[in-house]
Amino acid sequence: MNFSGKNILVVGASGGLGGEFVSSLIAAGANVYGTAKSNESATKISDQVAQKLLLDLESQESISTLANYLNSAVKLDGVIVSAGLVAFGLATDTPNEIDSKLIQVNYRGPRDLLVALQPNLANSEGAFVLNVTGIVAQMPLPSMSSYSASKMAMHGFLTAVAREWRRSGIKVVSELLGHTETGLATRAIAGQAPQFPQGLSPAEAVAQMLKSLES
C-alpha cells in the first residue's frame, strides 16, 4: 500500500522499534499519531508526528480515553502496535504479578484497544493492523514461559480476527519478528536475558515489515 497521506497510529512510538516506524512512515508521507506511556517518554517521539498521545496499556481508562478520542477526531487508516514488556526466568520462579503484567501489556491491553478502534478502521479503504508479536508466539522458549504465553495469546487473537475483520476490508498482520536489537531485553521487568545471537537492527526490521504491508 501507499502510505502517503494515510493516518497511522503507532503504539509504542517512544521505543526503539516504534521510533523507527514513526520516522519511516513520516518519510513515506504518512500522518503519524504516536503514543507513549508518560509525558516524559513522549519527549522521545519525533516532533514531526501529527500528534503525540498518551496510552498506558495497564489502564482501561487510558485505553478507552484514547480510543474514544481517535474515533471522534481521526479517521484511521492503520494501527501499528510496537509496545510490550519482557521477563525472563523459570516458570516456577515467576510471580503471578509478573505473569499478569505481561498478559495485560502484551495481550489484553492491545486487544482492547484494537477492538475499540475496529469500527474506525472499517471506515477506511485498505485499512490495516500490524502487531509486532514476535517469534516466541510460534516457538516458545524456556525461561520465557510467561512472556511466550502472553505473545501466543495475542497471536491467537490476531489470527482469528484476521478472518473476522477481512469482511470489513481490514488487513491484520501478526508479525512474528525474530530477535531485534531494540534493547528491550535489557529492560526486562524480571530476570536476566540469556545471551542472544546478534539480531536485526530496528531499521532493518521495520523496512521488512513495511515492505510486507506494501505488498
Protein backbone atom coordinates (compact mmCIF):
# COMPACT_ATOMS: atom_id res chain seq x y z
CA MET A 1 0.00 0.00 0.00
CA ASN A 2 0.97 3.62 -0.43
CA PHE A 3 1.41 5.27 2.99
CA SER A 4 1.32 8.82 1.64
CA GLY A 5 -1.48 10.81 3.25
CA LYS A 6 -2.56 7.89 5.46
CA ASN A 7 -3.38 8.42 9.13
CA ILE A 8 -1.48 5.79 11.08
CA LEU A 9 -1.37 5.21 14.82
CA VAL A 10 1.91 3.85 16.19
CA VAL A 11 1.51 2.40 19.67
CA GLY A 12 4.87 2.49 21.42
CA ALA A 13 6.25 5.32 19.31
CA SER A 14 8.76 6.26 22.01
CA GLY A 15 10.52 2.88 21.80
CA GLY A 16 13.39 1.77 19.59
CA LEU A 17 11.23 -0.10 17.10
CA GLY A 18 8.29 2.28 17.37
CA GLY A 19 10.52 5.27 16.74
CA GLU A 20 11.82 3.61 13.59
CA PHE A 21 8.24 3.02 12.41
CA VAL A 22 7.50 6.70 13.03
CA SER A 23 10.46 8.04 11.04
CA SER A 24 9.95 5.57 8.17
CA LEU A 25 6.24 6.32 7.86
CA ILE A 26 6.77 10.08 8.01
CA ALA A 27 9.40 9.75 5.28
CA ALA A 28 6.77 7.87 3.23
CA GLY A 29 4.34 10.76 3.62
CA ALA A 30 2.07 9.37 6.34
CA ASN A 31 0.41 11.36 9.09
CA VAL A 32 1.62 9.56 12.21
CA TYR A 33 -0.03 9.60 15.61
CA GLY A 34 2.40 8.26 18.21
CA THR A 35 1.73 7.03 21.72
CA ALA A 36 3.91 6.98 24.82
CA LYS A 37 3.12 5.88 28.36
CA SER A 38 4.05 9.18 30.03
CA ASN A 39 4.81 12.80 29.25
CA GLU A 40 8.45 12.04 29.97
CA SER A 41 8.69 9.20 27.45
CA ALA A 42 6.69 11.25 24.93
CA THR A 43 9.72 13.53 24.59
CA LYS A 44 11.41 10.63 22.74
CA ILE A 45 8.79 10.80 19.96
CA SER A 46 9.71 12.79 16.89
CA ASP A 47 8.23 16.30 16.81
CA GLN A 48 7.28 15.60 13.19
CA VAL A 49 4.33 13.41 14.20
CA ALA A 50 0.84 14.74 13.67
CA GLN A 51 0.14 14.31 17.37
CA LYS A 52 1.73 12.81 20.48
CA LEU A 53 -0.75 10.83 22.57
CA LEU A 54 -0.64 9.15 25.97
CA LEU A 55 -1.51 5.47 26.38
CA ASP A 56 -1.00 3.22 29.39
CA LEU A 57 -1.80 -0.34 28.37
CA GLU A 58 -2.24 -1.27 32.03
CA SER A 59 -5.10 1.21 32.44
CA GLN A 60 -8.52 0.50 30.97
CA GLU A 61 -9.41 4.16 31.45
CA SER A 62 -6.37 5.22 29.41
CA ILE A 63 -7.22 2.74 26.64
CA SER A 64 -10.85 3.89 26.50
CA THR A 65 -9.92 7.58 26.57
CA LEU A 66 -7.53 7.22 23.64
CA ALA A 67 -9.91 5.07 21.60
CA ASN A 68 -12.82 7.47 22.18
CA TYR A 69 -10.69 10.43 21.15
CA LEU A 70 -9.38 8.82 17.98
CA ASN A 71 -12.79 7.50 16.97
CA SER A 72 -14.23 11.01 17.24
CA ALA A 73 -11.33 13.03 15.83
CA VAL A 74 -9.24 10.96 13.41
CA LYS A 75 -10.15 8.66 10.53
CA LEU A 76 -7.52 5.96 10.93
CA ASP A 77 -6.06 4.03 8.02
CA GLY A 78 -3.76 1.82 10.06
CA VAL A 79 -2.60 0.84 13.53
CA ILE A 80 0.87 -0.47 14.36
CA VAL A 81 1.37 -1.95 17.83
CA SER A 82 5.04 -1.90 18.77
CA ALA A 83 4.83 -1.88 22.55
CA GLY A 84 5.33 -4.55 25.15
CA LEU A 85 7.19 -5.93 28.14
CA VAL A 86 9.51 -8.89 28.57
CA ALA A 87 10.53 -11.01 31.55
CA PHE A 88 12.89 -13.92 31.98
CA GLY A 89 13.08 -16.79 34.44
CA LEU A 90 11.86 -20.29 35.10
CA ALA A 91 8.10 -20.77 35.36
CA THR A 92 8.46 -21.85 38.99
CA ASP A 93 10.31 -18.61 39.77
CA THR A 94 7.89 -16.25 38.01
CA PRO A 95 5.47 -14.50 40.42
CA ASN A 96 1.80 -14.23 39.47
CA GLU A 97 2.04 -10.44 39.34
CA ILE A 98 4.75 -10.60 36.68
CA ASP A 99 2.71 -13.08 34.63
CA SER A 100 -0.39 -10.88 34.95
CA LYS A 101 1.53 -7.75 33.93
CA LEU A 102 2.86 -9.44 30.80
CA ILE A 103 -0.61 -10.68 29.83
CA GLN A 104 -2.08 -7.21 30.34
CA VAL A 105 0.54 -5.25 28.38
CA ASN A 106 1.30 -7.78 25.65
CA TYR A 107 -2.21 -9.08 25.06
CA ARG A 108 -5.21 -7.70 26.89
CA GLY A 109 -4.38 -4.00 26.56
CA PRO A 110 -3.59 -4.08 22.83
CA ARG A 111 -6.54 -6.39 22.25
CA ASP A 112 -8.95 -3.97 23.95
CA LEU A 113 -7.55 -1.01 22.00
CA LEU A 114 -7.79 -2.74 18.63
CA VAL A 115 -11.35 -3.91 19.28
CA ALA A 116 -12.35 -0.35 20.22
CA LEU A 117 -10.71 1.06 17.05
CA GLN A 118 -12.12 -1.56 14.67
CA PRO A 119 -15.18 0.50 13.62
CA ASN A 120 -12.88 3.42 12.84
CA LEU A 121 -10.61 1.28 10.66
CA ALA A 122 -13.61 -0.32 8.94
CA ASN A 123 -14.47 3.10 7.51
CA SER A 124 -11.14 3.31 5.67
CA GLU A 125 -10.44 1.57 2.40
CA GLY A 126 -7.36 -0.66 2.66
CA ALA A 127 -7.02 -0.30 6.45
CA PHE A 128 -4.56 -2.45 8.33
CA VAL A 129 -3.42 -3.60 11.75
CA LEU A 130 0.16 -4.72 12.31
CA ASN A 131 1.16 -6.09 15.69
CA VAL A 132 4.81 -6.87 16.42
CA THR A 133 4.09 -10.16 18.15
CA GLY A 134 7.45 -11.95 17.99
CA ILE A 135 8.66 -15.40 17.04
CA VAL A 136 8.10 -16.72 20.59
CA ALA A 137 4.38 -16.77 19.78
CA GLN A 138 5.15 -19.65 17.43
CA MET A 139 8.27 -21.04 19.12
CA PRO A 140 8.01 -20.56 22.92
CA LEU A 141 11.34 -20.55 24.71
CA PRO A 142 12.44 -21.90 28.10
CA SER A 143 12.99 -19.26 30.80
CA MET A 144 10.49 -17.12 28.87
CA SER A 145 7.29 -19.06 29.56
CA SER A 146 5.10 -16.18 30.72
CA TYR A 147 6.38 -13.86 28.01
CA SER A 148 5.83 -16.57 25.38
CA ALA A 149 2.32 -17.22 26.70
CA SER A 150 1.37 -13.54 26.50
CA LYS A 151 2.59 -13.35 22.92
CA MET A 152 0.86 -16.61 21.98
CA ALA A 153 -2.40 -15.17 23.32
CA MET A 154 -2.03 -12.08 21.12
CA HIS A 155 -1.07 -14.14 18.08
CA GLY A 156 -4.12 -16.36 18.55
CA PHE A 157 -6.38 -13.33 18.81
CA LEU A 158 -4.90 -11.69 15.72
CA THR A 159 -5.08 -14.90 13.70
CA ALA A 160 -8.79 -15.18 14.47
CA VAL A 161 -9.72 -11.54 13.84
CA ALA A 162 -7.71 -11.51 10.61
CA ARG A 163 -10.51 -13.70 9.26
CA GLU A 164 -13.30 -11.83 11.04
CA TRP A 165 -12.19 -8.34 10.01
CA ARG A 166 -11.39 -9.30 6.44
CA ARG A 167 -15.11 -8.80 5.78
CA SER A 168 -14.65 -5.15 6.77
CA GLY A 169 -11.64 -4.77 4.48
CA ILE A 170 -9.10 -4.64 7.34
CA LYS A 171 -5.83 -6.50 6.85
CA VAL A 172 -4.49 -7.90 10.13
CA VAL A 173 -0.85 -8.93 10.44
CA SER A 174 0.70 -10.71 13.42
CA GLU A 175 4.38 -10.06 12.79
CA LEU A 176 6.45 -12.98 14.12
CA LEU A 177 9.63 -10.96 14.31
CA GLY A 178 12.84 -12.61 15.42
CA HIS A 179 15.31 -11.09 17.88
CA THR A 180 15.90 -7.43 17.13
CA GLU A 181 18.42 -5.08 18.72
CA THR A 182 15.92 -2.73 20.34
CA GLY A 183 17.31 -3.00 23.86
CA LEU A 184 14.05 -4.47 25.18
CA ALA A 185 15.86 -7.47 26.70
CA THR A 186 17.92 -5.12 28.86
CA ARG A 187 14.71 -3.59 30.29
CA ALA A 188 13.14 -6.83 31.49
CA ILE A 189 10.67 -6.47 34.36
CA ALA A 190 12.04 -9.69 35.89
CA GLY A 191 15.03 -11.96 35.41
CA GLN A 192 18.05 -11.57 33.19
CA ALA A 193 18.20 -12.08 29.45
CA PRO A 194 20.19 -15.02 28.07
CA GLN A 195 22.91 -14.41 25.52
CA PHE A 196 21.01 -13.89 22.28
CA PRO A 197 22.72 -14.04 18.88
CA GLN A 198 23.05 -10.76 17.02
CA GLY A 199 19.61 -9.67 15.87
CA LEU A 200 18.26 -7.38 13.18
CA SER A 201 18.69 -3.65 13.58
CA PRO A 202 15.42 -1.74 14.16
CA ALA A 203 15.83 -0.12 10.74
CA GLU A 204 16.18 -3.48 9.00
CA ALA A 205 13.22 -4.95 10.90
CA VAL A 206 10.91 -2.03 10.18
CA ALA A 207 11.89 -1.94 6.50
CA GLN A 208 10.96 -5.62 6.19
CA MET A 209 7.62 -5.19 7.97
CA LEU A 210 6.55 -2.13 5.99
CA LYS A 211 7.55 -3.86 2.77
CA SER A 212 5.27 -6.77 3.67
CA LEU A 213 2.40 -4.32 4.20
CA GLU A 214 3.09 -2.58 0.91
CA SER A 215 2.93 -5.89 -0.93
